[in-house]
Amino acid sequence: MDQLSEAQKPLGEQIMKISSVGIGGPYNPLMRSPVLGQRMFDLLHYLRWETSVPTKLNEFAICIIGRQWRSQVEWAAHAPLAQKAGLSPEILAELKANKRPSSMAEDEAVVYDFVTELTTTHVVSDETYARAKKAFKDQQIVDLTALAGTYVTVAMVLAMAEETVPPGREPPFKEGEK
């Protein structure tokens, strides 16, 4: 905290209240732009702790983005949270192997298809949208969409800053692995 500028200190103090590892992950590079960092902090706070999307599905969506981007930090931080929230280890293992998980419940399959379509083709098919409308309320669909876009931004910030997993942790994705 001593190295932070006056503009960075308020954000740094907020991060330290919630962090078990200090100013890490996306917050380290976001500290370089304190106003953006504060706005991202507020958005991430909503998307993690106040969202209308159930925690298991929220964390699954973050893991989908982390896998698409091969984001070591995103995956290392959120895969354990997804499992703790009830996502099966088999689903995470298949996702990590870059496969569509085979044993998903319908709500998990909707999240996988919705997030994958939106982030890879930039549209959601009518069929997938109809499935999402059947499984979720409108607010949940909007929250899920914002979550996906925000965690793409997080993955980009982490990649730009070349952030790595904490010392002593094995990177989840091997060099050269697709």
Protein backbone atom coordinates (compact mmCIF):
# COMPACT_ATOMS: atom_id res chain seq x y z
CA MET A 1 0.00 0.00 0.00
CA ASP A 2 2.94 2.34 0.62
CA GLN A 3 3.86 2.27 -3.08
CA LEU A 4 0.41 3.39 -4.20
CA SER A 5 -0.26 6.93 -5.34
CA GLU A 6 -2.96 9.00 -3.67
CA ALA A 7 -5.25 8.22 -6.64
CA GLN A 8 -4.65 4.47 -6.21
CA LYS A 9 -5.00 4.21 -2.42
CA PRO A 10 -8.83 4.19 -2.15
CA LEU A 11 -9.06 1.29 -4.61
CA GLY A 12 -6.14 -0.47 -2.96
CA GLU A 13 -7.86 -0.25 0.41
CA GLN A 14 -11.08 -1.74 -1.02
CA ILE A 15 -9.17 -4.59 -2.64
CA MET A 16 -7.31 -5.38 0.57
CA LYS A 17 -10.64 -5.71 2.42
CA ILE A 18 -11.72 -8.59 0.15
CA SER A 19 -8.41 -10.15 -0.90
CA SER A 20 -6.57 -13.00 0.72
CA VAL A 21 -3.49 -12.50 -1.48
CA GLY A 22 -3.14 -8.72 -1.66
CA ILE A 23 -3.49 -6.74 -4.85
CA GLY A 24 -3.32 -9.53 -7.41
CA GLY A 25 -5.14 -10.93 -10.40
CA PRO A 26 -6.68 -8.24 -12.59
CA TYR A 27 -6.39 -5.63 -9.85
CA ASN A 28 -2.62 -5.35 -10.15
CA PRO A 29 -2.77 -3.99 -13.72
CA LEU A 30 -6.06 -2.16 -13.11
CA MET A 31 -4.33 -0.14 -10.38
CA ARG A 32 -2.45 1.61 -13.21
CA SER A 33 -5.76 3.20 -14.21
CA PRO A 34 -7.42 3.99 -10.87
CA VAL A 35 -10.72 5.34 -12.23
CA LEU A 36 -11.18 2.35 -14.54
CA GLY A 37 -9.97 0.07 -11.75
CA GLN A 38 -12.63 1.42 -9.39
CA ARG A 39 -15.37 1.00 -11.97
CA MET A 40 -14.24 -2.54 -12.76
CA PHE A 41 -14.08 -3.31 -9.03
CA ASP A 42 -17.68 -2.17 -8.62
CA LEU A 43 -18.85 -4.12 -11.68
CA LEU A 44 -16.97 -7.26 -10.62
CA HIS A 45 -18.41 -6.92 -7.12
CA TYR A 46 -21.93 -6.91 -8.56
CA LEU A 47 -21.24 -9.75 -10.99
CA ARG A 48 -19.72 -11.95 -8.29
CA TRP A 49 -21.75 -11.18 -5.17
CA GLU A 50 -25.03 -9.52 -6.17
CA THR A 51 -25.86 -11.11 -9.52
CA SER A 52 -29.15 -12.85 -10.17
CA VAL A 53 -27.30 -15.85 -11.66
CA PRO A 54 -26.77 -18.79 -9.25
CA THR A 55 -23.17 -19.03 -8.02
CA LYS A 56 -22.46 -22.42 -9.62
CA LEU A 57 -23.55 -21.18 -13.05
CA ASN A 58 -21.84 -17.83 -12.61
CA GLU A 59 -18.52 -19.51 -11.80
CA PHE A 60 -19.03 -21.98 -14.66
CA ALA A 61 -19.45 -19.07 -17.08
CA ILE A 62 -16.24 -17.48 -15.77
CA CYS A 63 -14.43 -20.79 -16.27
CA ILE A 64 -15.73 -20.99 -19.85
CA ILE A 65 -14.21 -17.57 -20.56
CA GLY A 66 -11.02 -18.52 -18.72
CA ARG A 67 -10.69 -21.64 -20.88
CA GLN A 68 -11.43 -19.81 -24.12
CA TRP A 69 -8.71 -17.30 -23.31
CA ARG A 70 -6.39 -19.86 -21.68
CA SER A 71 -6.28 -17.42 -18.80
CA GLN A 72 -4.12 -19.07 -16.18
CA VAL A 73 -5.22 -16.66 -13.44
CA GLU A 74 -8.94 -16.75 -14.27
CA TRP A 75 -9.02 -20.54 -14.34
CA ALA A 76 -6.85 -20.97 -11.23
CA ALA A 77 -9.05 -18.56 -9.28
CA HIS A 78 -12.48 -19.66 -10.46
CA ALA A 79 -12.35 -23.41 -11.16
CA PRO A 80 -12.07 -24.20 -7.42
CA LEU A 81 -14.92 -21.77 -6.71
CA ALA A 82 -17.08 -23.43 -9.38
CA GLN A 83 -16.43 -26.85 -7.86
CA LYS A 84 -17.09 -25.55 -4.35
CA ALA A 85 -20.41 -24.13 -5.62
CA GLY A 86 -21.41 -27.57 -6.91
CA LEU A 87 -20.10 -27.85 -10.47
CA SER A 88 -18.85 -31.38 -10.98
CA PRO A 89 -15.11 -32.07 -11.34
CA GLU A 90 -15.90 -34.02 -14.53
CA ILE A 91 -17.45 -30.97 -16.17
CA LEU A 92 -14.44 -28.86 -15.21
CA ALA A 93 -12.01 -31.52 -16.47
CA GLU A 94 -13.72 -31.74 -19.86
CA LEU A 95 -13.90 -27.96 -20.13
CA LYS A 96 -10.22 -27.66 -19.22
CA ALA A 97 -9.46 -30.21 -21.98
CA ASN A 98 -11.28 -27.84 -24.37
CA LYS A 99 -14.23 -30.19 -24.84
CA ARG A 100 -17.93 -29.51 -24.49
CA PRO A 101 -18.77 -31.21 -21.19
CA SER A 102 -20.91 -34.29 -21.78
CA SER A 103 -22.74 -34.67 -18.48
CA MET A 104 -24.22 -31.21 -17.94
CA ALA A 105 -27.62 -30.53 -16.43
CA GLU A 106 -29.90 -28.45 -18.67
CA ASP A 107 -29.13 -25.15 -16.92
CA GLU A 108 -25.39 -25.85 -17.21
CA ALA A 109 -25.77 -26.74 -20.90
CA VAL A 110 -27.68 -23.52 -21.52
CA VAL A 111 -24.93 -21.49 -19.84
CA TYR A 112 -22.24 -23.32 -21.83
CA ASP A 113 -24.00 -22.88 -25.17
CA PHE A 114 -25.11 -19.29 -24.50
CA VAL A 115 -21.68 -18.06 -23.37
CA THR A 116 -19.81 -20.04 -26.03
CA GLU A 117 -22.01 -18.84 -28.87
CA LEU A 118 -21.96 -15.25 -27.68
CA THR A 119 -18.19 -15.09 -27.26
CA THR A 120 -17.15 -17.09 -30.32
CA THR A 121 -19.76 -16.21 -32.95
CA HIS A 122 -20.86 -12.89 -31.39
CA VAL A 123 -24.52 -13.89 -31.61
CA VAL A 124 -26.80 -16.28 -29.76
CA SER A 125 -28.88 -18.58 -31.95
CA ASP A 126 -32.65 -18.42 -31.69
CA GLU A 127 -32.64 -21.97 -30.35
CA THR A 128 -30.13 -21.21 -27.59
CA TYR A 129 -31.89 -17.97 -26.69
CA ALA A 130 -35.21 -19.83 -26.41
CA ARG A 131 -33.55 -22.36 -24.10
CA ALA A 132 -32.11 -19.50 -22.03
CA LYS A 133 -35.56 -17.86 -21.77
CA LYS A 134 -36.99 -21.17 -20.57
CA ALA A 135 -34.24 -21.70 -17.97
CA PHE A 136 -33.68 -18.14 -16.74
CA LYS A 137 -35.42 -14.86 -16.04
CA ASP A 138 -34.65 -11.83 -18.21
CA GLN A 139 -32.41 -10.28 -15.55
CA GLN A 140 -30.39 -13.49 -15.31
CA ILE A 141 -29.84 -13.50 -19.08
CA VAL A 142 -28.65 -9.89 -18.98
CA ASP A 143 -26.42 -10.58 -15.96
CA LEU A 144 -24.94 -13.65 -17.67
CA THR A 145 -24.24 -11.63 -20.81
CA ALA A 146 -22.55 -8.86 -18.81
CA LEU A 147 -20.55 -11.45 -16.87
CA ALA A 148 -19.23 -13.02 -20.07
CA GLY A 149 -18.22 -9.67 -21.54
CA THR A 150 -16.65 -8.46 -18.32
CA TYR A 151 -14.59 -11.61 -17.87
CA VAL A 152 -13.37 -11.36 -21.47
CA THR A 153 -12.13 -7.90 -20.44
CA VAL A 154 -10.54 -9.40 -17.32
CA ALA A 155 -8.82 -12.07 -19.44
CA MET A 156 -7.52 -9.36 -21.78
CA VAL A 157 -6.18 -7.27 -18.89
CA LEU A 158 -4.50 -10.34 -17.38
CA ALA A 159 -2.95 -11.25 -20.76
CA MET A 160 -1.74 -7.70 -21.37
CA ALA A 161 -0.08 -7.59 -17.97
CA GLU A 162 1.24 -11.16 -18.25
CA GLU A 163 -0.19 -11.94 -14.82
CA THR A 164 0.65 -15.42 -13.56
CA VAL A 165 -0.77 -17.79 -10.97
CA PRO A 166 0.45 -17.21 -7.41
CA PRO A 167 3.85 -18.66 -6.49
CA GLY A 168 3.72 -22.37 -5.74
CA ARG A 169 0.63 -22.94 -7.91
CA GLU A 170 0.85 -24.95 -11.11
CA PRO A 171 -0.42 -23.09 -14.21
CA PRO A 172 -3.56 -24.92 -15.37
CA PHE A 173 -2.75 -24.67 -19.08
CA LYS A 174 0.56 -25.91 -20.49
CA GLU A 175 2.62 -23.89 -22.95
CA GLY A 176 1.52 -24.60 -26.52
CA GLU A 177 -1.67 -26.38 -25.43
CA LYS A 178 -4.76 -25.27 -27.35
